[in-house]
Amino acid sequence: MRIFSVFCFALLLVACGDPHDTRVPADISKWRDSVKPSLQKLTPDEQALFAQYVRQHTILADEVGLNGDKADPIPEGMTIGRAIEEQRNYEEKTHKDKTEKQQSGHGK
C-alpha cells in the first residue's frame, strides 16, 4: 500500500509539474507524448513564442544559407521555458535592431 501511495504522489507531481520544465527532445517524433501535453498548459503568447522558436530551429535549419542567417537545431537539454525565453529575447533584439536601423536611416 505504501508503494502505491508513493507512486500516486509521483504521478500527481508529474501531472501538476511546471510545463516550462519539460525537456524538448531533438527528435520531433517524440513530442506527442512529452511536449504536447505541456504546451496545452501554456498561455497563447507562450505557445506562439515556442512555435516560432521551433520553426527557427527546425524549418529554418533546413534552409541555412538562404537568407544569410544560420539556424541551429534544437540543442539537447532544451526546456520549453528556456526556448520561450530565448525566442522572446531574440524577438526583442530583432525589434531593437530594426528600430535602430530605421532611426539611423532617417538621420541621413
C-alpha atoms as a PDB file:
ATOM      1  CA  MET A   1       0.000   0.000   0.000  1.00  0.00           C
ATOM      2  CA  ARG A   2       2.829   2.379   0.813  1.00  0.00           C
ATOM      3  CA  ILE A   3       4.467   1.838  -2.587  1.00  0.00           C
ATOM      4  CA  PHE A   4       1.154   2.546  -4.288  1.00  0.00           C
ATOM      5  CA  SER A   5       0.801   5.808  -2.340  1.00  0.00           C
ATOM      6  CA  VAL A   6       4.295   6.915  -3.303  1.00  0.00           C
ATOM      7  CA  PHE A   7       3.587   6.027  -6.940  1.00  0.00           C
ATOM      8  CA  CYS A   8       0.341   8.042  -6.922  1.00  0.00           C
ATOM      9  CA  PHE A   9       2.119  11.008  -5.352  1.00  0.00           C
ATOM     10  CA  ALA A  10       4.830  10.840  -8.014  1.00  0.00           C
ATOM     11  CA  LEU A  11       2.196  10.800 -10.765  1.00  0.00           C
ATOM     12  CA  LEU A  12       0.498  13.802  -9.202  1.00  0.00           C
ATOM     13  CA  LEU A  13       3.767  15.741  -9.169  1.00  0.00           C
ATOM     14  CA  VAL A  14       4.396  14.942 -12.814  1.00  0.00           C
ATOM     15  CA  ALA A  15       0.839  15.843 -13.830  1.00  0.00           C
ATOM     16  CA  CYS A  16       0.980  19.158 -11.974  1.00  0.00           C
ATOM     17  CA  GLY A  17       4.546  19.920 -12.944  1.00  0.00           C
ATOM     18  CA  ASP A  18       5.533  23.210 -14.479  1.00  0.00           C
ATOM     19  CA  PRO A  19       5.257  22.895 -18.272  1.00  0.00           C
ATOM     20  CA  HIS A  20       8.242  25.226 -18.609  1.00  0.00           C
ATOM     21  CA  ASP A  21      10.483  22.500 -17.161  1.00  0.00           C
ATOM     22  CA  THR A  22       9.573  19.976 -19.874  1.00  0.00           C
ATOM     23  CA  ARG A  23      12.593  18.935 -21.906  1.00  0.00           C
ATOM     24  CA  VAL A  24      12.225  19.226 -25.663  1.00  0.00           C
ATOM     25  CA  PRO A  25      13.537  16.105 -27.430  1.00  0.00           C
ATOM     26  CA  ALA A  26      15.613  16.802 -30.528  1.00  0.00           C
ATOM     27  CA  ASP A  27      13.545  14.106 -32.282  1.00  0.00           C
ATOM     28  CA  ILE A  28      10.210  15.755 -33.103  1.00  0.00           C
ATOM     29  CA  SER A  29       8.507  12.371 -33.441  1.00  0.00           C
ATOM     30  CA  LYS A  30       8.771  12.025 -29.642  1.00  0.00           C
ATOM     31  CA  TRP A  31       6.949  15.291 -28.945  1.00  0.00           C
ATOM     32  CA  ARG A  32       3.447  13.860 -28.988  1.00  0.00           C
ATOM     33  CA  ASP A  33       3.894  12.169 -25.624  1.00  0.00           C
ATOM     34  CA  SER A  34       6.299  14.562 -23.947  1.00  0.00           C
ATOM     35  CA  VAL A  35       5.846  18.089 -25.286  1.00  0.00           C
ATOM     36  CA  LYS A  36       2.252  18.334 -26.486  1.00  0.00           C
ATOM     37  CA  PRO A  37       0.599  17.944 -23.036  1.00  0.00           C
ATOM     38  CA  SER A  38       2.863  20.644 -21.604  1.00  0.00           C
ATOM     39  CA  LEU A  39       2.179  23.032 -24.478  1.00  0.00           C
ATOM     40  CA  GLN A  40      -1.520  22.857 -23.740  1.00  0.00           C
ATOM     41  CA  LYS A  41      -0.817  24.322 -20.280  1.00  0.00           C
ATOM     42  CA  LEU A  42       0.941  27.413 -21.668  1.00  0.00           C
ATOM     43  CA  THR A  43      -0.617  30.786 -22.367  1.00  0.00           C
ATOM     44  CA  PRO A  44      -1.401  31.564 -26.024  1.00  0.00           C
ATOM     45  CA  ASP A  45       1.521  34.025 -26.074  1.00  0.00           C
ATOM     46  CA  GLU A  46       3.913  31.369 -24.783  1.00  0.00           C
ATOM     47  CA  GLN A  47       2.591  28.835 -27.289  1.00  0.00           C
ATOM     48  CA  ALA A  48       3.250  31.288 -30.117  1.00  0.00           C
ATOM     49  CA  LEU A  49       6.775  32.028 -28.871  1.00  0.00           C
ATOM     50  CA  PHE A  50       7.551  28.319 -28.579  1.00  0.00           C
ATOM     51  CA  ALA A  51       6.146  27.628 -32.059  1.00  0.00           C
ATOM     52  CA  GLN A  52       8.331  30.377 -33.531  1.00  0.00           C
ATOM     53  CA  TYR A  53      11.392  29.033 -31.694  1.00  0.00           C
ATOM     54  CA  VAL A  54      10.736  25.553 -33.097  1.00  0.00           C
ATOM     55  CA  ARG A  55      10.229  26.964 -36.580  1.00  0.00           C
ATOM     56  CA  GLN A  56      13.551  28.778 -36.445  1.00  0.00           C
ATOM     57  CA  HIS A  57      15.394  25.709 -35.218  1.00  0.00           C
ATOM     58  CA  THR A  58      13.779  23.103 -37.455  1.00  0.00           C
ATOM     59  CA  ILE A  59      12.347  24.500 -40.674  1.00  0.00           C
ATOM     60  CA  LEU A  60      14.909  27.282 -40.986  1.00  0.00           C
ATOM     61  CA  ALA A  61      17.689  24.867 -40.081  1.00  0.00           C
ATOM     62  CA  ASP A  62      16.911  23.132 -43.381  1.00  0.00           C
ATOM     63  CA  GLU A  63      17.147  26.456 -45.216  1.00  0.00           C
ATOM     64  CA  VAL A  64      20.526  27.514 -43.805  1.00  0.00           C
ATOM     65  CA  GLY A  65      22.246  29.982 -46.025  1.00  0.00           C
ATOM     66  CA  LEU A  66      19.211  31.103 -47.985  1.00  0.00           C
ATOM     67  CA  ASN A  67      18.804  34.308 -46.007  1.00  0.00           C
ATOM     68  CA  GLY A  68      22.291  34.552 -44.556  1.00  0.00           C
ATOM     69  CA  ASP A  69      21.272  33.546 -41.035  1.00  0.00           C
ATOM     70  CA  LYS A  70      22.493  30.314 -39.546  1.00  0.00           C
ATOM     71  CA  ALA A  71      19.772  28.326 -37.814  1.00  0.00           C
ATOM     72  CA  ASP A  72      20.959  25.828 -35.236  1.00  0.00           C
ATOM     73  CA  PRO A  73      18.966  22.686 -34.404  1.00  0.00           C
ATOM     74  CA  ILE A  74      17.278  22.463 -31.012  1.00  0.00           C
ATOM     75  CA  PRO A  75      20.054  21.703 -28.519  1.00  0.00           C
ATOM     76  CA  GLU A  76      19.964  18.694 -26.214  1.00  0.00           C
ATOM     77  CA  GLY A  77      18.537  19.532 -22.806  1.00  0.00           C
ATOM     78  CA  MET A  78      16.440  22.463 -24.062  1.00  0.00           C
ATOM     79  CA  THR A  79      13.313  23.076 -21.999  1.00  0.00           C
ATOM     80  CA  ILE A  80      10.084  24.696 -23.104  1.00  0.00           C
ATOM     81  CA  GLY A  81      10.687  27.577 -20.693  1.00  0.00           C
ATOM     82  CA  ARG A  82      14.201  28.228 -21.937  1.00  0.00           C
ATOM     83  CA  ALA A  83      13.039  28.046 -25.570  1.00  0.00           C
ATOM     84  CA  ILE A  84      10.327  30.622 -24.848  1.00  0.00           C
ATOM     85  CA  GLU A  85      12.816  32.903 -23.110  1.00  0.00           C
ATOM     86  CA  GLU A  86      15.357  32.601 -25.945  1.00  0.00           C
ATOM     87  CA  GLN A  87      12.674  33.377 -28.534  1.00  0.00           C
ATOM     88  CA  ARG A  88      11.420  36.346 -26.516  1.00  0.00           C
ATOM     89  CA  ASN A  89      14.990  37.703 -26.264  1.00  0.00           C
ATOM     90  CA  TYR A  90      15.569  37.102 -29.992  1.00  0.00           C
ATOM     91  CA  GLU A  91      12.397  38.969 -30.939  1.00  0.00           C
ATOM     92  CA  GLU A  92      13.221  41.881 -28.616  1.00  0.00           C
ATOM     93  CA  LYS A  93      16.743  42.135 -30.057  1.00  0.00           C
ATOM     94  CA  THR A  94      15.463  41.912 -33.638  1.00  0.00           C
ATOM     95  CA  HIS A  95      12.880  44.628 -32.952  1.00  0.00           C
ATOM     96  CA  LYS A  96      15.503  46.836 -31.287  1.00  0.00           C
ATOM     97  CA  ASP A  97      17.971  46.346 -34.156  1.00  0.00           C
ATOM     98  CA  LYS A  98      15.273  47.116 -36.736  1.00  0.00           C
ATOM     99  CA  THR A  99      14.221  50.256 -34.858  1.00  0.00           C
ATOM    100  CA  GLU A 100      17.811  51.458 -34.563  1.00  0.00           C
ATOM    101  CA  LYS A 101      18.401  50.809 -38.264  1.00  0.00           C
ATOM    102  CA  GLN A 102      15.281  52.761 -39.217  1.00  0.00           C
ATOM    103  CA  GLN A 103      16.251  55.651 -36.947  1.00  0.00           C
ATOM    104  CA  SER A 104      19.785  55.790 -38.344  1.00  0.00           C
ATOM    105  CA  GLY A 105      18.374  55.780 -41.873  1.00  0.00           C
ATOM    106  CA  HIS A 106      16.233  58.823 -41.120  1.00  0.00           C
ATOM    107  CA  GLY A 107      19.210  60.770 -39.848  1.00  0.00           C
ATOM    108  CA  LYS A 108      20.984  60.802 -43.230  1.00  0.00           C
END
